PDB file of all heavy atoms in Angstrom:
ATOM      1  N   ASN A   1      36.684  57.567  16.699  1.00  0.00           N
ATOM      2  CA  ASN A   1      37.781  58.366  17.249  1.00  0.00           C
ATOM      3  C   ASN A   1      38.074  59.575  16.371  1.00  0.00           C
ATOM      4  O   ASN A   1      38.286  60.694  16.874  1.00  0.00           O
ATOM      5  CB  ASN A   1      39.032  57.497  17.385  1.00  0.00           C
ATOM      6  CG  ASN A   1      38.890  56.439  18.477  1.00  0.00           C
ATOM      7  OD1 ASN A   1      38.116  56.614  19.410  1.00  0.00           O
ATOM      8  ND2 ASN A   1      39.627  55.347  18.345  1.00  0.00           N
ATOM      9  N   ASN A   2      38.092  59.378  15.066  1.00  0.00           N
ATOM     10  CA  ASN A   2      38.333  60.508  14.158  1.00  0.00           C
ATOM     11  C   ASN A   2      37.207  61.534  14.242  1.00  0.00           C
ATOM     12  O   ASN A   2      37.443  62.745  14.169  1.00  0.00           O
ATOM     13  CB  ASN A   2      38.472  60.006  12.719  1.00  0.00           C
ATOM     14  CG  ASN A   2      39.733  59.167  12.518  1.00  0.00           C
ATOM     15  OD1 ASN A   2      40.667  59.239  13.316  1.00  0.00           O
ATOM     16  ND2 ASN A   2      39.743  58.379  11.458  1.00  0.00           N
ATOM     17  N   PHE A   3      35.992  61.051  14.388  1.00  0.00           N
ATOM     18  CA  PHE A   3      34.843  61.955  14.484  1.00  0.00           C
ATOM     19  C   PHE A   3      34.934  62.810  15.745  1.00  0.00           C
ATOM     20  O   PHE A   3      34.667  64.016  15.710  1.00  0.00           O
ATOM     21  CB  PHE A   3      33.558  61.127  14.480  1.00  0.00           C
ATOM     22  CG  PHE A   3      32.298  61.939  14.580  1.00  0.00           C
ATOM     23  CD1 PHE A   3      31.823  62.652  13.495  1.00  0.00           C
ATOM     24  CD2 PHE A   3      31.579  61.988  15.766  1.00  0.00           C
ATOM     25  CE1 PHE A   3      30.660  63.397  13.587  1.00  0.00           C
ATOM     26  CE2 PHE A   3      30.417  62.725  15.866  1.00  0.00           C
ATOM     27  CZ  PHE A   3      29.961  63.435  14.771  1.00  0.00           C
ATOM     28  N   LEU A   4      35.323  62.200  16.849  1.00  0.00           N
ATOM     29  CA  LEU A   4      35.432  62.953  18.103  1.00  0.00           C
ATOM     30  C   LEU A   4      36.533  64.011  18.033  1.00  0.00           C
ATOM     31  O   LEU A   4      36.421  65.073  18.647  1.00  0.00           O
ATOM     32  CB  LEU A   4      35.689  61.992  19.265  1.00  0.00           C
ATOM     33  CG  LEU A   4      34.517  61.089  19.660  1.00  0.00           C
ATOM     34  CD1 LEU A   4      34.930  60.143  20.779  1.00  0.00           C
ATOM     35  CD2 LEU A   4      33.317  61.923  20.099  1.00  0.00           C
ATOM     36  N   GLU A   5      37.586  63.727  17.282  1.00  0.00           N
ATOM     37  CA  GLU A   5      38.646  64.726  17.118  1.00  0.00           C
ATOM     38  C   GLU A   5      38.142  65.953  16.370  1.00  0.00           C
ATOM     39  O   GLU A   5      38.600  67.079  16.616  1.00  0.00           O
ATOM     40  CB  GLU A   5      39.820  64.105  16.360  1.00  0.00           C
ATOM     41  CG  GLU A   5      40.587  63.055  17.152  1.00  0.00           C
ATOM     42  CD  GLU A   5      41.696  62.430  16.332  1.00  0.00           C
ATOM     43  OE1 GLU A   5      41.876  62.870  15.165  1.00  0.00           O
ATOM     44  OE2 GLU A   5      42.374  61.521  16.825  1.00  0.00           O
ATOM     45  N   LEU A   6      37.194  65.748  15.476  1.00  0.00           N
ATOM     46  CA  LEU A   6      36.668  66.861  14.671  1.00  0.00           C
ATOM     47  C   LEU A   6      35.551  67.621  15.370  1.00  0.00           C
ATOM     48  O   LEU A   6      35.244  68.751  14.976  1.00  0.00           O
ATOM     49  CB  LEU A   6      36.147  66.327  13.336  1.00  0.00           C
ATOM     50  CG  LEU A   6      37.174  65.662  12.407  1.00  0.00           C
ATOM     51  CD1 LEU A   6      36.464  65.005  11.236  1.00  0.00           C
ATOM     52  CD2 LEU A   6      38.188  66.691  11.919  1.00  0.00           C
ATOM     53  N   ALA A   7      34.910  67.013  16.368  1.00  0.00           N
ATOM     54  CA  ALA A   7      33.721  67.598  16.988  1.00  0.00           C
ATOM     55  C   ALA A   7      34.105  68.559  18.107  1.00  0.00           C
ATOM     56  O   ALA A   7      34.794  68.181  19.062  1.00  0.00           O
ATOM     57  CB  ALA A   7      32.819  66.493  17.534  1.00  0.00           C
ATOM     58  N   ALA A   8      33.649  69.799  17.986  1.00  0.00           N
ATOM     59  CA  ALA A   8      33.818  70.778  19.058  1.00  0.00           C
ATOM     60  C   ALA A   8      32.593  70.687  19.967  1.00  0.00           C
ATOM     61  O   ALA A   8      31.612  71.419  19.786  1.00  0.00           O
ATOM     62  CB  ALA A   8      33.975  72.177  18.470  1.00  0.00           C
ATOM     63  N   LEU A   9      32.627  69.769  20.910  1.00  0.00           N
ATOM     64  CA  LEU A   9      31.459  69.478  21.736  1.00  0.00           C
ATOM     65  C   LEU A   9      31.158  70.624  22.694  1.00  0.00           C
ATOM     66  O   LEU A   9      32.066  71.368  23.106  1.00  0.00           O
ATOM     67  CB  LEU A   9      31.685  68.189  22.523  1.00  0.00           C
ATOM     68  CG  LEU A   9      31.890  66.920  21.690  1.00  0.00           C
ATOM     69  CD1 LEU A   9      32.157  65.724  22.589  1.00  0.00           C
ATOM     70  CD2 LEU A   9      30.663  66.658  20.825  1.00  0.00           C
ATOM     71  N   PRO A  10      29.891  70.805  23.072  1.00  0.00           N
ATOM     72  CA  PRO A  10      29.529  71.864  24.022  1.00  0.00           C
ATOM     73  C   PRO A  10      30.199  71.651  25.380  1.00  0.00           C
ATOM     74  O   PRO A  10      30.698  70.566  25.694  1.00  0.00           O
ATOM     75  CB  PRO A  10      27.996  71.731  24.133  1.00  0.00           C
ATOM     76  CG  PRO A  10      27.578  70.962  22.928  1.00  0.00           C
ATOM     77  CD  PRO A  10      28.711  70.071  22.580  1.00  0.00           C
ATOM     78  N   ASP A  11      30.206  72.702  26.176  1.00  0.00           N
ATOM     79  CA  ASP A  11      30.773  72.613  27.517  1.00  0.00           C
ATOM     80  C   ASP A  11      30.042  71.547  28.331  1.00  0.00           C
ATOM     81  O   ASP A  11      28.833  71.335  28.166  1.00  0.00           O
ATOM     82  CB  ASP A  11      30.660  73.963  28.232  1.00  0.00           C
ATOM     83  CG  ASP A  11      31.518  75.026  27.564  1.00  0.00           C
ATOM     84  OD1 ASP A  11      32.476  74.657  26.861  1.00  0.00           O
ATOM     85  OD2 ASP A  11      31.206  76.227  27.732  1.00  0.00           O
ATOM     86  N   HIS A  12      30.798  70.899  29.211  1.00  0.00           N
ATOM     87  CA  HIS A  12      30.274  69.890  30.136  1.00  0.00           C
ATOM     88  C   HIS A  12      29.754  68.640  29.418  1.00  0.00           C
ATOM     89  O   HIS A  12      28.960  67.879  29.986  1.00  0.00           O
ATOM     90  CB  HIS A  12      29.170  70.466  31.032  1.00  0.00           C
ATOM     91  CG  HIS A  12      29.541  71.749  31.708  1.00  0.00           C
ATOM     92  ND1 HIS A  12      30.554  71.829  32.640  1.00  0.00           N
ATOM     93  CD2 HIS A  12      29.057  73.016  31.558  1.00  0.00           C
ATOM     94  CE1 HIS A  12      30.675  73.084  33.061  1.00  0.00           C
ATOM     95  NE2 HIS A  12      29.779  73.825  32.420  1.00  0.00           N
ATOM     96  N   ALA A  13      30.187  68.425  28.188  1.00  0.00           N
ATOM     97  CA  ALA A  13      29.780  67.206  27.483  1.00  0.00           C
ATOM     98  C   ALA A  13      30.541  66.008  28.049  1.00  0.00           C
ATOM     99  O   ALA A  13      31.721  66.103  28.388  1.00  0.00           O
ATOM    100  CB  ALA A  13      30.047  67.347  25.995  1.00  0.00           C
ATOM    101  N   GLU A  14      29.850  64.885  28.169  1.00  0.00           N
ATOM    102  CA  GLU A  14      30.452  63.636  28.632  1.00  0.00           C
ATOM    103  C   GLU A  14      30.364  62.598  27.527  1.00  0.00           C
ATOM    104  O   GLU A  14      29.386  62.564  26.776  1.00  0.00           O
ATOM    105  CB  GLU A  14      29.709  63.087  29.854  1.00  0.00           C
ATOM    106  CG  GLU A  14      29.735  63.954  31.082  1.00  0.00           C
ATOM    107  CD  GLU A  14      28.923  63.312  32.193  1.00  0.00           C
ATOM    108  OE1 GLU A  14      29.451  62.381  32.838  1.00  0.00           O
ATOM    109  OE2 GLU A  14      27.771  63.721  32.401  1.00  0.00           O
ATOM    110  N   ILE A  15      31.371  61.746  27.470  1.00  0.00           N
ATOM    111  CA  ILE A  15      31.380  60.651  26.498  1.00  0.00           C
ATOM    112  C   ILE A  15      31.312  59.336  27.256  1.00  0.00           C
ATOM    113  O   ILE A  15      32.166  59.054  28.109  1.00  0.00           O
ATOM    114  CB  ILE A  15      32.638  60.713  25.611  1.00  0.00           C
ATOM    115  CG1 ILE A  15      32.670  62.028  24.817  1.00  0.00           C
ATOM    116  CG2 ILE A  15      32.690  59.517  24.667  1.00  0.00           C
ATOM    117  CD1 ILE A  15      33.915  62.215  23.994  1.00  0.00           C
ATOM    118  N   LEU A  16      30.297  58.542  26.957  1.00  0.00           N
ATOM    119  CA  LEU A  16      30.112  57.240  27.580  1.00  0.00           C
ATOM    120  C   LEU A  16      30.436  56.164  26.555  1.00  0.00           C
ATOM    121  O   LEU A  16      29.895  56.167  25.459  1.00  0.00           O
ATOM    122  CB  LEU A  16      28.670  57.073  28.069  1.00  0.00           C
ATOM    123  CG  LEU A  16      28.104  58.193  28.944  1.00  0.00           C
ATOM    124  CD1 LEU A  16      26.649  57.904  29.302  1.00  0.00           C
ATOM    125  CD2 LEU A  16      28.936  58.366  30.205  1.00  0.00           C
ATOM    126  N   GLY A  17      31.292  55.226  26.914  1.00  0.00           N
ATOM    127  CA  GLY A  17      31.668  54.155  26.003  1.00  0.00           C
ATOM    128  C   GLY A  17      33.100  54.316  25.548  1.00  0.00           C
ATOM    129  O   GLY A  17      33.883  55.061  26.153  1.00  0.00           O
ATOM    130  N   PRO A  18      33.508  53.592  24.506  1.00  0.00           N
ATOM    131  CA  PRO A  18      32.653  52.833  23.573  1.00  0.00           C
ATOM    132  C   PRO A  18      32.248  51.464  24.108  1.00  0.00           C
ATOM    133  O   PRO A  18      32.935  50.888  24.945  1.00  0.00           O
ATOM    134  CB  PRO A  18      33.544  52.687  22.344  1.00  0.00           C
ATOM    135  CG  PRO A  18      34.943  52.676  22.908  1.00  0.00           C
ATOM    136  CD  PRO A  18      34.915  53.600  24.086  1.00  0.00           C
ATOM    137  N   VAL A  19      31.125  50.974  23.570  1.00  0.00           N
ATOM    138  CA  VAL A  19      30.655  49.620  23.840  1.00  0.00           C
ATOM    139  C   VAL A  19      30.255  48.997  22.508  1.00  0.00           C
ATOM    140  O   VAL A  19      30.116  49.689  21.502  1.00  0.00           O
ATOM    141  CB  VAL A  19      29.452  49.624  24.805  1.00  0.00           C
ATOM    142  CG1 VAL A  19      29.836  50.182  26.165  1.00  0.00           C
ATOM    143  CG2 VAL A  19      28.281  50.413  24.219  1.00  0.00           C
ATOM    144  N   ASP A  20      30.085  47.678  22.503  1.00  0.00           N
ATOM    145  CA  ASP A  20      29.629  47.011  21.288  1.00  0.00           C
ATOM    146  C   ASP A  20      28.229  47.480  20.922  1.00  0.00           C
ATOM    147  O   ASP A  20      27.415  47.797  21.799  1.00  0.00           O
ATOM    148  CB  ASP A  20      29.628  45.499  21.480  1.00  0.00           C
ATOM    149  CG  ASP A  20      31.036  44.923  21.547  1.00  0.00           C
ATOM    150  OD1 ASP A  20      31.960  45.597  21.068  1.00  0.00           O
ATOM    151  OD2 ASP A  20      31.204  43.814  22.090  1.00  0.00           O
ATOM    152  N   LEU A  21      27.959  47.522  19.632  1.00  0.00           N
ATOM    153  CA  LEU A  21      26.630  47.899  19.153  1.00  0.00           C
ATOM    154  C   LEU A  21      25.596  46.929  19.718  1.00  0.00           C
ATOM    155  O   LEU A  21      25.835  45.717  19.744  1.00  0.00           O
ATOM    156  CB  LEU A  21      26.616  47.858  17.631  1.00  0.00           C
ATOM    157  CG  LEU A  21      25.564  48.701  16.902  1.00  0.00           C
ATOM    158  CD1 LEU A  21      25.745  50.167  17.220  1.00  0.00           C
ATOM    159  CD2 LEU A  21      25.662  48.468  15.403  1.00  0.00           C
ATOM    160  N   PRO A  22      24.459  47.426  20.218  1.00  0.00           N
ATOM    161  CA  PRO A  22      23.451  46.525  20.796  1.00  0.00           C
ATOM    162  C   PRO A  22      23.027  45.444  19.812  1.00  0.00           C
ATOM    163  O   PRO A  22      23.015  45.660  18.595  1.00  0.00           O
ATOM    164  CB  PRO A  22      22.287  47.475  21.121  1.00  0.00           C
ATOM    165  CG  PRO A  22      22.927  48.810  21.299  1.00  0.00           C
ATOM    166  CD  PRO A  22      24.073  48.834  20.337  1.00  0.00           C
ATOM    167  N   PRO A  23      22.683  44.247  20.320  1.00  0.00           N
ATOM    168  CA  PRO A  23      22.254  43.146  19.438  1.00  0.00           C
ATOM    169  C   PRO A  23      21.063  43.558  18.574  1.00  0.00           C
ATOM    170  O   PRO A  23      20.169  44.270  19.008  1.00  0.00           O
ATOM    171  CB  PRO A  23      21.858  42.034  20.421  1.00  0.00           C
ATOM    172  CG  PRO A  23      22.607  42.343  21.677  1.00  0.00           C
ATOM    173  CD  PRO A  23      22.702  43.837  21.734  1.00  0.00           C
ATOM    174  N   GLY A  24      21.081  43.111  17.330  1.00  0.00           N
ATOM    175  CA  GLY A  24      19.985  43.415  16.420  1.00  0.00           C
ATOM    176  C   GLY A  24      20.189  44.655  15.594  1.00  0.00           C
ATOM    177  O   GLY A  24      19.431  44.904  14.651  1.00  0.00           O
ATOM    178  N   LEU A  25      21.202  45.471  15.915  1.00  0.00           N
ATOM    179  CA  LEU A  25      21.475  46.689  15.161  1.00  0.00           C
ATOM    180  C   LEU A  25      22.666  46.470  14.236  1.00  0.00           C
ATOM    181  O   LEU A  25      23.582  45.709  14.548  1.00  0.00           O
ATOM    182  CB  LEU A  25      21.765  47.865  16.101  1.00  0.00           C
ATOM    183  CG  LEU A  25      20.631  48.341  16.996  1.00  0.00           C
ATOM    184  CD1 LEU A  25      21.087  49.528  17.835  1.00  0.00           C
ATOM    185  CD2 LEU A  25      19.416  48.720  16.176  1.00  0.00           C
ATOM    186  N   SER A  26      22.655  47.149  13.121  1.00  0.00           N
ATOM    187  CA  SER A  26      23.771  47.093  12.180  1.00  0.00           C
ATOM    188  C   SER A  26      24.006  48.489  11.637  1.00  0.00           C
ATOM    189  O   SER A  26      23.134  49.361  11.703  1.00  0.00           O
ATOM    190  CB  SER A  26      23.477  46.113  11.043  1.00  0.00           C
ATOM    191  OG  SER A  26      22.310  46.508  10.335  1.00  0.00           O
ATOM    192  N   LEU A  27      25.191  48.694  11.086  1.00  0.00           N
ATOM    193  CA  LEU A  27      25.524  50.003  10.534  1.00  0.00           C
ATOM    194  C   LEU A  27      24.935  50.165   9.138  1.00  0.00           C
ATOM    195  O   LEU A  27      24.756  49.183   8.414  1.00  0.00           O
ATOM    196  CB  LEU A  27      27.041  50.160  10.460  1.00  0.00           C
ATOM    197  CG  LEU A  27      27.786  50.247  11.792  1.00  0.00           C
ATOM    198  CD1 LEU A  27      29.278  50.336  11.544  1.00  0.00           C
ATOM    199  CD2 LEU A  27      27.318  51.447  12.595  1.00  0.00           C
ATOM    200  N   PRO A  28      24.619  51.391   8.745  1.00  0.00           N
ATOM    201  CA  PRO A  28      24.143  51.608   7.366  1.00  0.00           C
ATOM    202  C   PRO A  28      25.280  51.415   6.376  1.00  0.00           C
ATOM    203  O   PRO A  28      26.451  51.613   6.689  1.00  0.00           O
ATOM    204  CB  PRO A  28      23.666  53.067   7.406  1.00  0.00           C
ATOM    205  CG  PRO A  28      24.468  53.702   8.494  1.00  0.00           C
ATOM    206  CD  PRO A  28      24.672  52.629   9.522  1.00  0.00           C
ATOM    207  N   GLY A  29      24.920  51.009   5.170  1.00  0.00           N
ATOM    208  CA  GLY A  29      25.924  50.825   4.142  1.00  0.00           C
ATOM    209  C   GLY A  29      26.684  49.515   4.291  1.00  0.00           C
ATOM    210  O   GLY A  29      26.311  48.633   5.060  1.00  0.00           O
ATOM    211  N   GLU A  30      27.773  49.395   3.557  1.00  0.00           N
ATOM    212  CA  GLU A  30      28.588  48.188   3.588  1.00  0.00           C
ATOM    213  C   GLU A  30      29.668  48.328   4.654  1.00  0.00           C
ATOM    214  O   GLU A  30      30.336  49.354   4.756  1.00  0.00           O
ATOM    215  CB  GLU A  30      29.223  47.944   2.215  1.00  0.00           C
ATOM    216  CG  GLU A  30      28.201  47.694   1.114  1.00  0.00           C
ATOM    217  CD  GLU A  30      28.861  47.424  -0.216  1.00  0.00           C
ATOM    218  OE1 GLU A  30      30.116  47.412  -0.253  1.00  0.00           O
ATOM    219  OE2 GLU A  30      28.139  47.239  -1.207  1.00  0.00           O
ATOM    220  N   TYR A  31      29.844  47.270   5.426  1.00  0.00           N
ATOM    221  CA  TYR A  31      30.810  47.320   6.523  1.00  0.00           C
ATOM    222  C   TYR A  31      31.466  45.952   6.655  1.00  0.00           C
ATOM    223  O   TYR A  31      30.784  44.934   6.838  1.00  0.00           O
ATOM    224  CB  TYR A  31      30.123  47.710   7.824  1.00  0.00           C
ATOM    225  CG  TYR A  31      31.071  47.814   9.009  1.00  0.00           C
ATOM    226  CD1 TYR A  31      31.918  48.908   9.134  1.00  0.00           C
ATOM    227  CD2 TYR A  31      31.127  46.818   9.972  1.00  0.00           C
ATOM    228  CE1 TYR A  31      32.800  49.010  10.197  1.00  0.00           C
ATOM    229  CE2 TYR A  31      32.001  46.919  11.052  1.00  0.00           C
ATOM    230  CZ  TYR A  31      32.840  48.016  11.150  1.00  0.00           C
ATOM    231  OH  TYR A  31      33.714  48.109  12.203  1.00  0.00           O
ATOM    232  N   ASP A  32      32.790  45.919   6.548  1.00  0.00           N
ATOM    233  CA  ASP A  32      33.552  44.675   6.651  1.00  0.00           C
ATOM    234  C   ASP A  32      34.056  44.544   8.083  1.00  0.00           C
ATOM    235  O   ASP A  32      35.062  45.149   8.466  1.00  0.00           O
ATOM    236  CB  ASP A  32      34.719  44.707   5.659  1.00  0.00           C
ATOM    237  CG  ASP A  32      35.468  43.377   5.609  1.00  0.00           C
ATOM    238  OD1 ASP A  32      35.162  42.493   6.431  1.00  0.00           O
ATOM    239  OD2 ASP A  32      36.358  43.235   4.752  1.00  0.00           O
ATOM    240  N   GLU A  33      33.336  43.744   8.878  1.00  0.00           N
ATOM    241  CA  GLU A  33      33.691  43.592  10.281  1.00  0.00           C
ATOM    242  C   GLU A  33      35.044  42.918  10.455  1.00  0.00           C
ATOM    243  O   GLU A  33      35.780  43.213  11.401  1.00  0.00           O
ATOM    244  CB  GLU A  33      32.602  42.793  11.005  1.00  0.00           C
ATOM    245  CG  GLU A  33      32.789  42.736  12.511  1.00  0.00           C
ATOM    246  CD  GLU A  33      31.586  42.167  13.225  1.00  0.00           C
ATOM    247  OE1 GLU A  33      30.447  42.399  12.752  1.00  0.00           O
ATOM    248  OE2 GLU A  33      31.781  41.494  14.256  1.00  0.00           O
ATOM    249  N   SER A  34      35.407  42.012   9.532  1.00  0.00           N
ATOM    250  CA  SER A  34      36.696  41.327   9.644  1.00  0.00           C
ATOM    251  C   SER A  34      37.863  42.291   9.466  1.00  0.00           C
ATOM    252  O   SER A  34      38.958  42.075  10.006  1.00  0.00           O
ATOM    253  CB  SER A  34      36.779  40.200   8.607  1.00  0.00           C
ATOM    254  OG  SER A  34      36.707  40.737   7.288  1.00  0.00           O
ATOM    255  N   GLN A  35      37.636  43.391   8.726  1.00  0.00           N
ATOM    256  CA  GLN A  35      38.703  44.361   8.490  1.00  0.00           C
ATOM    257  C   GLN A  35      38.728  45.476   9.524  1.00  0.00           C
ATOM    258  O   GLN A  35      39.799  45.891   9.982  1.00  0.00           O
ATOM    259  CB  GLN A  35      38.553  44.972   7.093  1.00  0.00           C
ATOM    260  CG  GLN A  35      39.637  45.993   6.743  1.00  0.00           C
ATOM    261  CD  GLN A  35      39.487  46.529   5.329  1.00  0.00           C
ATOM    262  OE1 GLN A  35      38.610  46.100   4.580  1.00  0.00           O
ATOM    263  NE2 GLN A  35      40.345  47.468   4.953  1.00  0.00           N
ATOM    264  N   TYR A  36      37.548  45.952   9.914  1.00  0.00           N
ATOM    265  CA  TYR A  36      37.487  47.127  10.780  1.00  0.00           C
ATOM    266  C   TYR A  36      37.104  46.806  12.224  1.00  0.00           C
ATOM    267  O   TYR A  36      37.037  47.704  13.057  1.00  0.00           O
ATOM    268  CB  TYR A  36      36.489  48.139  10.214  1.00  0.00           C
ATOM    269  CG  TYR A  36      36.825  48.584   8.813  1.00  0.00           C
ATOM    270  CD1 TYR A  36      36.051  48.184   7.728  1.00  0.00           C
ATOM    271  CD2 TYR A  36      37.940  49.388   8.572  1.00  0.00           C
ATOM    272  CE1 TYR A  36      36.364  48.582   6.437  1.00  0.00           C
ATOM    273  CE2 TYR A  36      38.256  49.791   7.282  1.00  0.00           C
ATOM    274  CZ  TYR A  36      37.468  49.380   6.218  1.00  0.00           C
ATOM    275  OH  TYR A  36      37.783  49.779   4.942  1.00  0.00           O
ATOM    276  N   GLY A  37      36.834  45.542  12.505  1.00  0.00           N
ATOM    277  CA  GLY A  37      36.465  45.167  13.857  1.00  0.00           C
ATOM    278  C   GLY A  37      34.975  45.330  14.089  1.00  0.00           C
ATOM    279  O   GLY A  37      34.250  45.896  13.256  1.00  0.00           O
ATOM    280  N   PRO A  38      34.465  44.829  15.223  1.00  0.00           N
ATOM    281  CA  PRO A  38      33.032  44.927  15.509  1.00  0.00           C
ATOM    282  C   PRO A  38      32.600  46.380  15.657  1.00  0.00           C
ATOM    283  O   PRO A  38      33.350  47.204  16.194  1.00  0.00           O
ATOM    284  CB  PRO A  38      32.878  44.160  16.836  1.00  0.00           C
ATOM    285  CG  PRO A  38      34.238  44.176  17.452  1.00  0.00           C
ATOM    286  CD  PRO A  38      35.206  44.157  16.312  1.00  0.00           C
ATOM    287  N   PRO A  39      31.416  46.730  15.159  1.00  0.00           N
ATOM    288  CA  PRO A  39      30.951  48.123  15.285  1.00  0.00           C
ATOM    289  C   PRO A  39      30.757  48.519  16.744  1.00  0.00           C
ATOM    290  O   PRO A  39      30.350  47.704  17.568  1.00  0.00           O
ATOM    291  CB  PRO A  39      29.626  48.121  14.519  1.00  0.00           C
ATOM    292  CG  PRO A  39      29.195  46.698  14.471  1.00  0.00           C
ATOM    293  CD  PRO A  39      30.429  45.871  14.471  1.00  0.00           C
ATOM    294  N   GLN A  40      31.040  49.773  17.028  1.00  0.00           N
ATOM    295  CA  GLN A  40      31.001  50.293  18.398  1.00  0.00           C
ATOM    296  C   GLN A  40      29.936  51.388  18.505  1.00  0.00           C
ATOM    297  O   GLN A  40      29.460  51.934  17.521  1.00  0.00           O
ATOM    298  CB  GLN A  40      32.364  50.863  18.786  1.00  0.00           C
ATOM    299  CG  GLN A  40      33.520  49.888  18.643  1.00  0.00           C
ATOM    300  CD  GLN A  40      33.536  48.857  19.734  1.00  0.00           C
ATOM    301  OE1 GLN A  40      33.661  49.171  20.910  1.00  0.00           O
ATOM    302  NE2 GLN A  40      33.387  47.593  19.340  1.00  0.00           N
ATOM    303  N   ARG A  41      29.602  51.718  19.748  1.00  0.00           N
ATOM    304  CA  ARG A  41      28.683  52.825  20.030  1.00  0.00           C
ATOM    305  C   ARG A  41      29.240  53.647  21.177  1.00  0.00           C
ATOM    306  O   ARG A  41      29.716  53.110  22.184  1.00  0.00           O
ATOM    307  CB  ARG A  41      27.298  52.318  20.386  1.00  0.00           C
ATOM    308  CG  ARG A  41      26.409  53.367  21.074  1.00  0.00           C
ATOM    309  CD  ARG A  41      24.971  52.929  21.224  1.00  0.00           C
ATOM    310  NE  ARG A  41      24.286  52.961  19.935  1.00  0.00           N
ATOM    311  CZ  ARG A  41      22.968  52.757  19.794  1.00  0.00           C
ATOM    312  NH1 ARG A  41      22.222  52.489  20.852  1.00  0.00           N
ATOM    313  NH2 ARG A  41      22.411  52.815  18.599  1.00  0.00           N
TER     314      ARG A  41
END
């Protein structure tokens, strides 16, 4: 959400989602799911 607030997207851009990250994928770096919730896409 914070990233989208900063992004000046091109005209006619559409945003699909958010949805849960597909099975088998994980975020880079350290991520505490219990604190920040399940990763989204």
